[in-house]
Amino acid sequence: MIILISGNSCTGKTLMSQKLLEKYHIPYLSIDHIKMGMYRADAGCGFTPLDSTEHIGEKLWPIIKGIIMTNIENSQNIIIEGCYILPHYIKDFEAAYSEKIISVFIGFSQNYIEKNFTSNIVKHRNAIEDRGYPEEGIIDDYIDEHDAFRRKCLANDVDYFEIDKNYEEEITKVYDFIETQKREIDRKFKSFNARMV
């Protein structure tokens, strides 16, 4: 089983991955680490850390897709998180792979950003790892990024969860969705394995 967690920066992807690791005992992989590892190994790798999410995503996706496929083929579980999992990539998998993948995309509404930008979003951006972000970004740019991300998610019919008022309450819907999907995958493949014996 593969759990993919995507969303714009500071939406809690890494924190969610850590909590899922603790709950399910499944390791997680940050795509940011792959990005920086590739760039530090070869500055001519085709992108810089300052390039757009889309450009970096296009360079990294063949590697991430290969990791996903290999884990599924080896019956291994992994959580992969990062903003470079773009909504249209989820359609890249044949059924034999996609039925073992749980993907979630997390965003913030304009309302949430306007009311919580400094008090929650900026304040908690380093909950799991120190990202070294500047103290404040430009709120209008952040709203535009989330609006564009929402539109891409809806256009590609992926499982998109938007936080609108209360992060702690609303993020539980994502955990509940993952748990429900995990149980369904476990049930389906337990039944399949029983028939093969």
Protein backbone atom coordinates (compact mmCIF):
# COMPACT_ATOMS: atom_id res chain seq x y z
CA MET A 1 0.00 0.00 0.00
CA ILE A 2 1.18 3.48 -0.92
CA ILE A 3 -0.05 6.67 0.76
CA LEU A 4 0.62 9.84 -1.23
CA ILE A 5 0.21 13.21 0.49
CA SER A 6 0.36 16.40 -1.53
CA GLY A 7 -0.50 20.05 -1.07
CA ASN A 8 1.02 23.49 -1.10
CA SER A 9 3.74 24.44 1.37
CA CYS A 10 2.87 24.61 5.07
CA THR A 11 -0.32 22.51 4.84
CA GLY A 12 0.95 19.88 7.29
CA LYS A 13 2.06 17.14 4.87
CA THR A 14 5.20 16.24 6.79
CA LEU A 15 3.45 16.30 10.15
CA MET A 16 0.70 14.06 8.76
CA SER A 17 3.32 11.66 7.38
CA GLN A 18 5.01 11.47 10.78
CA LYS A 19 1.70 10.75 12.51
CA LEU A 20 0.81 8.07 9.94
CA LEU A 21 4.26 6.50 10.41
CA GLU A 22 3.60 6.30 14.14
CA LYS A 23 0.10 4.91 13.66
CA TYR A 24 0.71 2.37 10.89
CA HIS A 25 4.47 1.75 11.30
CA ILE A 26 4.98 2.58 7.63
CA PRO A 27 8.08 4.60 6.71
CA TYR A 28 7.71 7.89 4.88
CA LEU A 29 9.75 9.58 2.22
CA SER A 30 9.93 13.34 1.70
CA ILE A 31 10.25 14.31 -1.95
CA ASP A 32 12.08 17.44 -0.78
CA HIS A 33 14.95 15.19 0.28
CA ILE A 34 15.10 13.55 -3.15
CA LYS A 35 15.00 17.00 -4.78
CA MET A 36 17.86 18.35 -2.69
CA GLY A 37 19.85 15.12 -2.95
CA MET A 38 19.68 15.22 -6.74
CA TYR A 39 20.53 18.92 -6.91
CA ARG A 40 23.47 18.63 -4.52
CA ALA A 41 24.79 15.59 -6.36
CA ASP A 42 24.50 17.28 -9.75
CA ALA A 43 23.72 20.99 -10.13
CA GLY A 44 23.06 20.23 -13.80
CA CYS A 45 20.21 17.83 -12.96
CA GLY A 46 17.68 19.94 -14.89
CA PHE A 47 16.28 22.08 -12.08
CA THR A 48 17.26 24.31 -9.20
CA PRO A 49 15.49 24.45 -5.82
CA LEU A 50 14.08 27.84 -6.86
CA ASP A 51 12.30 26.55 -9.97
CA SER A 52 8.52 26.23 -10.07
CA THR A 53 6.75 23.31 -8.42
CA GLU A 54 5.55 22.19 -11.86
CA HIS A 55 9.05 22.19 -13.38
CA ILE A 56 10.61 20.32 -10.46
CA GLY A 57 7.63 17.96 -10.35
CA GLU A 58 8.08 17.03 -14.02
CA LYS A 59 11.75 16.19 -13.38
CA LEU A 60 11.10 14.19 -10.21
CA TRP A 61 7.87 12.36 -11.12
CA PRO A 62 9.49 9.54 -13.19
CA ILE A 63 11.66 8.70 -10.16
CA ILE A 64 8.77 8.91 -7.68
CA LYS A 65 6.55 6.84 -9.99
CA GLY A 66 9.29 4.21 -10.22
CA ILE A 67 9.61 4.12 -6.42
CA ILE A 68 5.83 3.68 -6.08
CA MET A 69 5.70 0.89 -8.66
CA THR A 70 8.68 -0.93 -7.12
CA ASN A 71 7.14 -0.79 -3.63
CA ILE A 72 3.86 -2.18 -4.93
CA GLU A 73 5.60 -4.94 -6.88
CA ASN A 74 7.57 -5.87 -3.76
CA SER A 75 4.45 -5.76 -1.53
CA GLN A 76 6.01 -3.01 0.57
CA ASN A 77 4.24 -0.07 2.19
CA ILE A 78 5.44 3.52 2.07
CA ILE A 79 4.14 7.04 2.64
CA ILE A 80 5.42 9.63 0.16
CA GLU A 81 4.81 13.32 0.76
CA GLY A 82 5.56 16.48 -1.11
CA CYS A 83 4.13 19.32 -3.13
CA TYR A 84 5.69 17.81 -6.27
CA ILE A 85 2.98 15.13 -6.52
CA LEU A 86 0.78 17.01 -8.96
CA PRO A 87 -2.90 16.06 -9.33
CA HIS A 88 -2.67 14.86 -12.94
CA TYR A 89 0.07 12.35 -12.04
CA ILE A 90 -2.43 10.12 -10.23
CA LYS A 91 -3.85 9.06 -13.60
CA ASP A 92 -0.47 7.64 -14.65
CA PHE A 93 -1.03 4.25 -13.01
CA GLU A 94 -2.71 1.16 -14.39
CA ALA A 95 -5.38 -0.44 -12.18
CA ALA A 96 -2.99 -3.08 -10.81
CA TYR A 97 -1.05 -0.22 -9.21
CA SER A 98 -3.73 2.42 -8.57
CA GLU A 99 -5.87 0.06 -6.49
CA LYS A 100 -3.03 -0.05 -3.95
CA ILE A 101 -2.53 3.72 -3.78
CA ILE A 102 -4.25 6.16 -1.43
CA SER A 103 -3.70 9.76 -2.49
CA VAL A 104 -4.79 12.92 -0.69
CA PHE A 105 -4.38 16.55 -1.64
CA ILE A 106 -4.61 19.23 1.07
CA GLY A 107 -5.26 22.94 0.65
CA PHE A 108 -6.42 26.03 2.48
CA SER A 109 -9.40 28.22 1.62
CA GLN A 110 -8.95 31.95 1.18
CA ASN A 111 -10.95 32.40 4.39
CA TYR A 112 -8.56 30.16 6.35
CA ILE A 113 -5.45 31.87 4.98
CA GLU A 114 -6.74 35.37 5.69
CA LYS A 115 -7.63 34.50 9.29
CA ASN A 116 -4.67 32.23 10.12
CA PHE A 117 -1.69 33.20 7.99
CA THR A 118 0.56 34.46 10.79
CA SER A 119 -1.08 32.84 13.81
CA ASN A 120 -1.16 29.26 12.47
CA ILE A 121 0.35 28.81 9.00
CA VAL A 122 3.63 30.68 9.49
CA LYS A 123 3.83 29.74 13.18
CA HIS A 124 3.65 25.98 12.54
CA ARG A 125 5.61 25.74 9.28
CA ASN A 126 8.53 24.04 11.07
CA ALA A 127 6.51 21.54 13.13
CA ILE A 128 8.61 18.55 11.99
CA GLU A 129 11.63 19.99 10.20
CA ASP A 130 13.27 23.42 10.13
CA ARG A 131 12.65 24.68 6.64
CA GLY A 132 14.34 28.04 7.09
CA TYR A 133 11.43 29.90 5.49
CA PRO A 134 11.30 33.67 5.88
CA GLU A 135 9.14 34.80 8.77
CA GLU A 136 6.36 36.03 6.51
CA GLY A 137 5.47 35.53 2.89
CA ILE A 138 3.12 37.56 0.77
CA ILE A 139 -0.37 36.49 1.77
CA ASP A 140 -1.92 37.34 -1.63
CA ASP A 141 0.58 35.05 -3.39
CA TYR A 142 -0.20 32.26 -0.92
CA ILE A 143 -3.94 32.66 -1.57
CA ASP A 144 -3.33 32.56 -5.34
CA GLU A 145 -1.21 29.38 -5.01
CA HIS A 146 -3.96 27.63 -3.07
CA ASP A 147 -6.64 28.77 -5.49
CA ALA A 148 -4.64 27.44 -8.46
CA PHE A 149 -3.97 24.16 -6.62
CA ARG A 150 -7.67 23.75 -5.79
CA ARG A 151 -8.61 24.22 -9.45
CA LYS A 152 -6.04 21.64 -10.59
CA CYS A 153 -7.28 19.12 -8.01
CA LEU A 154 -10.92 19.58 -9.01
CA ALA A 155 -10.07 19.42 -12.73
CA ASN A 156 -8.30 16.09 -12.19
CA ASP A 157 -10.97 14.65 -9.86
CA VAL A 158 -8.56 13.73 -7.06
CA ASP A 159 -9.38 13.46 -3.36
CA TYR A 160 -9.00 17.08 -2.32
CA PHE A 161 -9.46 18.29 1.26
CA GLU A 162 -9.70 22.00 1.97
CA ILE A 163 -9.23 23.47 5.42
CA ASP A 164 -11.63 26.37 5.86
CA LYS A 165 -12.08 27.21 9.55
CA ASN A 166 -10.45 24.91 12.12
CA TYR A 167 -7.33 22.99 11.08
CA GLU A 168 -7.32 20.49 13.96
CA GLU A 169 -10.97 19.55 13.43
CA GLU A 170 -11.02 19.51 9.63
CA ILE A 171 -7.74 17.62 9.13
CA THR A 172 -9.33 14.64 10.90
CA LYS A 173 -11.38 14.11 7.71
CA VAL A 174 -8.14 13.35 5.88
CA TYR A 175 -7.02 10.85 8.53
CA ASP A 176 -10.47 9.23 8.49
CA PHE A 177 -10.39 8.99 4.69
CA ILE A 178 -6.96 7.35 4.75
CA GLU A 179 -8.08 4.88 7.42
CA THR A 180 -11.20 3.94 5.43
CA GLN A 181 -9.21 3.49 2.23
CA LYS A 182 -6.54 1.47 4.04
CA ARG A 183 -9.15 -0.90 5.49
CA GLU A 184 -10.67 -1.38 2.05
CA ILE A 185 -7.28 -2.18 0.50
CA ASP A 186 -6.45 -4.56 3.38
CA ARG A 187 -9.85 -6.28 3.05
CA LYS A 188 -9.63 -6.59 -0.71
CA PHE A 189 -6.15 -8.06 -0.78
CA LYS A 190 -6.65 -10.27 2.25
CA SER A 191 -9.64 -11.78 0.44
CA PHE A 192 -7.60 -12.10 -2.76
CA ASN A 193 -4.71 -13.82 -0.97
CA ALA A 194 -7.11 -16.21 0.76
CA ARG A 195 -8.50 -17.28 -2.63
CA MET A 196 -4.98 -17.90 -3.96
CA VAL A 197 -4.10 -20.35 -1.14
